[in-house]
């Protein structure tokens, strides 16, 4: 016990570990003497087997890519006949297409409670404001005297 306490621990940085000793990814797994062996082993390793029922993303990507290619070729085939595709195409402006008039539909609905409260508050404010302005104009303004020196 005393031996363990009196011993000094040596702190090792990760870069020192990479320069010394064996390389490994897992303590129970294989060990490599230098980074080149580790890289070579990683390239030779097969990707882990996927569990049953898990989606195969690589196959899904391939299918999506094929479908996208088919869609693009179908669109290009529909736009120009094959005889014109062999000749160099000159960009021609497309004729303007008339826009259909949008159909406007008016829907009548009842006011919500918040809208009713807002309308009520605005109407009270306007009536009170008009009364205040009338009082100032008829009662306070005539009391103001202008004196000359």
Protein backbone atom coordinates (compact mmCIF):
# COMPACT_ATOMS: atom_id res chain seq x y z
CA UNK A 1 0.00 0.00 0.00
CA UNK A 2 2.76 2.43 0.91
CA UNK A 3 4.56 1.58 -2.33
CA UNK A 4 1.55 2.68 -4.32
CA UNK A 5 1.23 5.95 -2.42
CA UNK A 6 4.91 6.89 -2.70
CA UNK A 7 5.14 6.14 -6.40
CA UNK A 8 4.78 9.17 -8.64
CA UNK A 9 2.33 8.90 -11.42
CA UNK A 10 3.55 9.80 -14.85
CA UNK A 11 1.05 11.80 -16.89
CA UNK A 12 0.92 10.81 -20.54
CA UNK A 13 -0.64 12.98 -23.21
CA UNK A 14 -2.60 11.40 -26.08
CA UNK A 15 0.13 12.33 -28.56
CA UNK A 16 2.69 10.41 -26.47
CA UNK A 17 0.43 7.36 -26.45
CA UNK A 18 0.16 7.53 -30.23
CA UNK A 19 3.95 7.57 -30.54
CA UNK A 20 4.51 4.68 -28.14
CA UNK A 21 2.98 1.27 -27.68
CA UNK A 22 0.52 -0.71 -29.76
CA UNK A 23 -2.45 0.78 -31.55
CA UNK A 24 -5.87 -0.64 -30.91
CA UNK A 25 -9.46 0.34 -31.22
CA UNK A 26 -10.78 -1.97 -28.56
CA UNK A 27 -8.78 -3.40 -25.59
CA UNK A 28 -10.06 -6.89 -26.40
CA UNK A 29 -9.50 -6.46 -30.15
CA UNK A 30 -6.39 -6.76 -32.30
CA UNK A 31 -3.35 -4.58 -31.65
CA UNK A 32 -1.19 -2.88 -34.26
CA UNK A 33 2.41 -1.68 -33.98
CA UNK A 34 2.13 1.43 -36.17
CA UNK A 35 -0.56 3.57 -37.79
CA UNK A 36 0.09 2.12 -41.26
CA UNK A 37 -0.86 -1.40 -40.07
CA UNK A 38 -3.95 0.00 -38.39
CA UNK A 39 -5.04 1.86 -41.55
CA UNK A 40 -4.44 -1.23 -43.70
CA UNK A 41 -6.51 -3.37 -41.35
CA UNK A 42 -9.32 -0.81 -41.36
CA UNK A 43 -9.44 -0.81 -45.16
CA UNK A 44 -9.57 -4.61 -45.28
CA UNK A 45 -12.30 -4.81 -42.67
CA UNK A 46 -15.83 -5.31 -43.92
CA UNK A 47 -18.54 -2.98 -42.61
CA UNK A 48 -20.43 -4.49 -39.69
CA UNK A 49 -23.36 -6.68 -40.64
CA UNK A 50 -26.65 -4.92 -40.20
CA UNK A 51 -29.22 -6.46 -37.87
CA UNK A 52 -32.21 -8.17 -39.47
CA UNK A 53 -35.08 -5.82 -40.15
CA UNK A 54 -32.83 -2.73 -40.34
CA UNK A 55 -33.18 -0.70 -43.55
CA UNK A 56 -30.44 -1.03 -46.15
CA UNK A 57 -29.59 2.62 -46.77
CA UNK A 58 -27.07 1.90 -49.53
CA UNK A 59 -29.69 0.02 -51.57
CA UNK A 60 -32.24 2.75 -50.89
CA UNK A 61 -29.79 5.38 -52.19
CA UNK A 62 -29.18 3.36 -55.36
CA UNK A 63 -32.92 2.97 -55.98
CA UNK A 64 -33.53 6.69 -55.40
CA UNK A 65 -30.68 7.59 -57.75
CA UNK A 66 -32.05 5.33 -60.50
CA UNK A 67 -35.55 6.78 -60.09
CA UNK A 68 -34.20 10.34 -60.26
CA UNK A 69 -32.25 9.53 -63.43
CA UNK A 70 -35.35 7.97 -65.02
CA UNK A 71 -37.48 11.01 -64.13
CA UNK A 72 -34.99 13.45 -65.61
CA UNK A 73 -34.59 11.46 -68.81
CA UNK A 74 -38.38 11.12 -69.11
CA UNK A 75 -38.84 14.88 -68.69
CA UNK A 76 -36.17 15.65 -71.26
CA UNK A 77 -37.67 13.10 -73.65
CA UNK A 78 -41.12 14.68 -73.31
CA UNK A 79 -39.77 18.18 -73.94
CA UNK A 80 -37.98 17.50 -77.23
CA UNK A 81 -38.33 14.74 -79.83
CA UNK A 82 -35.25 12.51 -80.39
CA UNK A 83 -34.50 14.07 -83.82
CA UNK A 84 -34.09 17.49 -82.26
CA UNK A 85 -31.96 16.14 -79.43
CA UNK A 86 -29.21 15.20 -81.89
CA UNK A 87 -29.03 18.72 -83.29
CA UNK A 88 -27.65 21.51 -81.13
CA UNK A 89 -30.58 23.30 -79.59
CA UNK A 90 -30.89 27.06 -79.74
CA UNK A 91 -32.49 28.63 -76.71
CA UNK A 92 -35.86 30.03 -77.74
CA UNK A 93 -37.97 32.10 -75.41
CA UNK A 94 -41.06 30.28 -74.27
CA UNK A 95 -44.36 31.88 -75.33
CA UNK A 96 -46.11 33.59 -72.45
CA UNK A 97 -48.84 31.48 -70.98
CA UNK A 98 -51.99 33.21 -69.84
CA UNK A 99 -52.48 33.04 -66.13
CA UNK A 100 -55.87 31.85 -64.98
CA UNK A 101 -57.81 34.38 -62.96
CA UNK A 102 -57.92 33.36 -59.31
CA UNK A 103 -61.39 32.69 -58.00
CA UNK A 104 -61.97 34.86 -54.93
CA UNK A 105 -64.30 33.41 -52.35
CA UNK A 106 -65.55 35.57 -49.49
CA UNK A 107 -66.40 33.71 -46.33
CA UNK A 108 -68.58 35.37 -43.72
CA UNK A 109 -67.86 34.51 -40.13
CA UNK A 110 -68.71 35.75 -36.66
CA UNK A 111 -66.27 37.94 -34.74
CA UNK A 112 -64.22 36.25 -32.07
CA UNK A 113 -64.32 37.36 -28.45
CA UNK A 114 -60.94 39.09 -28.77
CA UNK A 115 -62.12 41.00 -31.85
CA UNK A 116 -65.32 42.07 -30.07
CA UNK A 117 -63.34 43.35 -27.07
CA UNK A 118 -60.98 45.24 -29.39
CA UNK A 119 -63.85 46.90 -31.27
CA UNK A 120 -65.54 47.84 -27.98
CA UNK A 121 -62.30 49.33 -26.55
CA UNK A 122 -61.63 51.33 -29.73
CA UNK A 123 -65.16 52.74 -29.80
CA UNK A 124 -65.01 53.76 -26.12
CA UNK A 125 -61.61 55.39 -26.73
CA UNK A 126 -62.88 57.36 -29.70
CA UNK A 127 -66.01 58.61 -27.92
CA UNK A 128 -64.03 59.59 -24.83
CA UNK A 129 -61.39 61.30 -26.97
CA UNK A 130 -63.96 63.36 -28.86
CA UNK A 131 -65.60 64.43 -25.57
CA UNK A 132 -62.21 65.41 -24.11
CA UNK A 133 -61.32 67.48 -27.18
CA UNK A 134 -64.75 69.18 -27.08
CA UNK A 135 -64.31 70.03 -23.39
CA UNK A 136 -60.84 71.52 -24.00
CA UNK A 137 -62.08 73.52 -26.96
CA UNK A 138 -65.18 74.95 -25.25
CA UNK A 139 -64.15 75.30 -21.60
CA UNK A 140 -60.39 75.71 -21.27
CA UNK A 141 -59.45 77.65 -24.44
CA UNK A 142 -61.79 80.62 -23.72
CA UNK A 143 -60.16 81.08 -20.27
CA UNK A 144 -56.72 81.69 -21.76
CA UNK A 145 -55.99 85.44 -21.85
CA UNK A 146 -53.53 87.05 -24.13
CA UNK A 147 -52.01 90.17 -22.59
CA UNK A 148 -50.07 92.83 -24.34
CA UNK A 149 -47.26 94.69 -22.66
